[in-house]
Amino acid sequence: MEISIDKELYQQAQSYAQQQGLSITAVIESFLKRFIRNSHAASEQATPDIVLSLLGAGEPVAEDDINGRQAYYQHLTEKHQ
């Protein structure tokens, strides 16, 4: 496997890794894991509860809110704050 990276960026990352007592590989792997975890978390948060409940995930929608309007309204309120 080969990855191309800007020489100056690599040197800065290598310097950082040495200061932390880590290998450049460990730093890059750590960053990629965090990046992927945050990407998944962001995509999960973007899905309204009503959609998650229909998919069998997330919080169930109240029985008296048949169309999920309250959950969707809450999602839009949080999204546009």
C-alpha atoms as a PDB file:
ATOM      1  CA  MET A   1       0.000   0.000   0.000  1.00  0.00           C
ATOM      2  CA  GLU A   2       1.291   3.421  -0.893  1.00  0.00           C
ATOM      3  CA  ILE A   3       0.008   6.829   0.143  1.00  0.00           C
ATOM      4  CA  SER A   4       1.303  10.115  -1.230  1.00  0.00           C
ATOM      5  CA  ILE A   5       1.550  13.044   1.145  1.00  0.00           C
ATOM      6  CA  ASP A   6       3.016  16.533   0.985  1.00  0.00           C
ATOM      7  CA  LYS A   7       6.644  16.410   2.149  1.00  0.00           C
ATOM      8  CA  GLU A   8       6.326  19.407   4.497  1.00  0.00           C
ATOM      9  CA  LEU A   9       3.131  18.029   6.045  1.00  0.00           C
ATOM     10  CA  TYR A  10       4.817  14.662   6.572  1.00  0.00           C
ATOM     11  CA  GLN A  11       7.784  16.303   8.292  1.00  0.00           C
ATOM     12  CA  GLN A  12       5.475  18.274  10.584  1.00  0.00           C
ATOM     13  CA  ALA A  13       3.508  15.143  11.444  1.00  0.00           C
ATOM     14  CA  GLN A  14       6.687  13.186  12.049  1.00  0.00           C
ATOM     15  CA  SER A  15       7.968  15.915  14.368  1.00  0.00           C
ATOM     16  CA  TYR A  16       4.665  15.888  16.259  1.00  0.00           C
ATOM     17  CA  ALA A  17       4.759  12.091  16.556  1.00  0.00           C
ATOM     18  CA  GLN A  18       8.293  12.187  17.971  1.00  0.00           C
ATOM     19  CA  GLN A  19       7.296  14.834  20.517  1.00  0.00           C
ATOM     20  CA  GLN A  20       4.430  12.594  21.636  1.00  0.00           C
ATOM     21  CA  GLY A  21       6.649   9.498  21.756  1.00  0.00           C
ATOM     22  CA  LEU A  22       4.690   7.840  18.962  1.00  0.00           C
ATOM     23  CA  SER A  23       5.365   6.553  15.498  1.00  0.00           C
ATOM     24  CA  ILE A  24       3.991   8.429  12.505  1.00  0.00           C
ATOM     25  CA  THR A  25       1.935   5.323  11.700  1.00  0.00           C
ATOM     26  CA  ALA A  26       0.306   5.376  15.145  1.00  0.00           C
ATOM     27  CA  VAL A  27      -0.576   9.062  14.780  1.00  0.00           C
ATOM     28  CA  ILE A  28      -2.118   8.574  11.337  1.00  0.00           C
ATOM     29  CA  GLU A  29      -4.062   5.477  12.421  1.00  0.00           C
ATOM     30  CA  SER A  30      -5.372   7.311  15.475  1.00  0.00           C
ATOM     31  CA  PHE A  31      -6.473  10.259  13.356  1.00  0.00           C
ATOM     32  CA  LEU A  32      -8.213   8.047  10.797  1.00  0.00           C
ATOM     33  CA  LYS A  33     -10.064   6.090  13.503  1.00  0.00           C
ATOM     34  CA  ARG A  34     -11.247   9.333  15.124  1.00  0.00           C
ATOM     35  CA  PHE A  35     -12.230  10.765  11.732  1.00  0.00           C
ATOM     36  CA  ILE A  36     -14.291   7.699  10.836  1.00  0.00           C
ATOM     37  CA  ARG A  37     -15.932   7.539  14.278  1.00  0.00           C
ATOM     38  CA  ASN A  38     -16.881  11.250  14.094  1.00  0.00           C
ATOM     39  CA  SER A  39     -18.191  10.838  10.539  1.00  0.00           C
ATOM     40  CA  HIS A  40     -20.468   7.998  11.633  1.00  0.00           C
ATOM     41  CA  ALA A  41     -21.666   9.963  14.655  1.00  0.00           C
ATOM     42  CA  ALA A  42     -22.458  13.006  12.509  1.00  0.00           C
ATOM     43  CA  SER A  43     -24.452  10.972   9.990  1.00  0.00           C
ATOM     44  CA  GLU A  44     -26.424   9.266  12.776  1.00  0.00           C
ATOM     45  CA  GLN A  45     -27.281  12.607  14.381  1.00  0.00           C
ATOM     46  CA  ALA A  46     -28.553  13.962  11.082  1.00  0.00           C
ATOM     47  CA  THR A  47     -31.295  11.329  10.913  1.00  0.00           C
ATOM     48  CA  PRO A  48     -34.573  12.320  12.634  1.00  0.00           C
ATOM     49  CA  ASP A  49     -35.971  10.002  15.327  1.00  0.00           C
ATOM     50  CA  ILE A  50     -39.009   9.248  13.205  1.00  0.00           C
ATOM     51  CA  VAL A  51     -36.831   7.828  10.432  1.00  0.00           C
ATOM     52  CA  LEU A  52     -34.712   5.863  12.899  1.00  0.00           C
ATOM     53  CA  SER A  53     -37.825   4.447  14.535  1.00  0.00           C
ATOM     54  CA  LEU A  54     -39.161   3.319  11.164  1.00  0.00           C
ATOM     55  CA  LEU A  55     -35.864   1.553  10.573  1.00  0.00           C
ATOM     56  CA  GLY A  56     -36.089  -0.124  13.971  1.00  0.00           C
ATOM     57  CA  ALA A  57     -33.392   2.036  15.532  1.00  0.00           C
ATOM     58  CA  GLY A  58     -33.363   5.144  17.666  1.00  0.00           C
ATOM     59  CA  GLU A  59     -36.026   6.280  20.084  1.00  0.00           C
ATOM     60  CA  PRO A  60     -39.569   5.117  19.384  1.00  0.00           C
ATOM     61  CA  VAL A  61     -42.064   7.771  18.338  1.00  0.00           C
ATOM     62  CA  ALA A  62     -44.968   8.372  20.731  1.00  0.00           C
ATOM     63  CA  GLU A  63     -48.159   6.487  19.893  1.00  0.00           C
ATOM     64  CA  ASP A  64     -50.211   9.700  19.786  1.00  0.00           C
ATOM     65  CA  ASP A  65     -47.777  11.192  17.254  1.00  0.00           C
ATOM     66  CA  ILE A  66     -48.685   8.905  14.375  1.00  0.00           C
ATOM     67  CA  ASN A  67     -46.914  10.922  11.682  1.00  0.00           C
ATOM     68  CA  GLY A  68     -43.874  11.719  13.810  1.00  0.00           C
ATOM     69  CA  ARG A  69     -44.501  15.438  13.545  1.00  0.00           C
ATOM     70  CA  GLN A  70     -43.265  16.197  17.049  1.00  0.00           C
ATOM     71  CA  ALA A  71     -40.026  14.270  16.511  1.00  0.00           C
ATOM     72  CA  TYR A  72     -39.476  15.905  13.138  1.00  0.00           C
ATOM     73  CA  TYR A  73     -40.232  19.367  14.530  1.00  0.00           C
ATOM     74  CA  GLN A  74     -37.718  18.737  17.329  1.00  0.00           C
ATOM     75  CA  HIS A  75     -35.137  17.609  14.766  1.00  0.00           C
ATOM     76  CA  LEU A  76     -35.632  20.770  12.695  1.00  0.00           C
ATOM     77  CA  THR A  77     -35.481  22.978  15.774  1.00  0.00           C
ATOM     78  CA  GLU A  78     -32.155  21.453  16.835  1.00  0.00           C
ATOM     79  CA  LYS A  79     -30.793  21.530  13.294  1.00  0.00           C
ATOM     80  CA  HIS A  80     -31.502  25.230  12.744  1.00  0.00           C
ATOM     81  CA  GLN A  81     -30.349  26.649  16.058  1.00  0.00           C
END
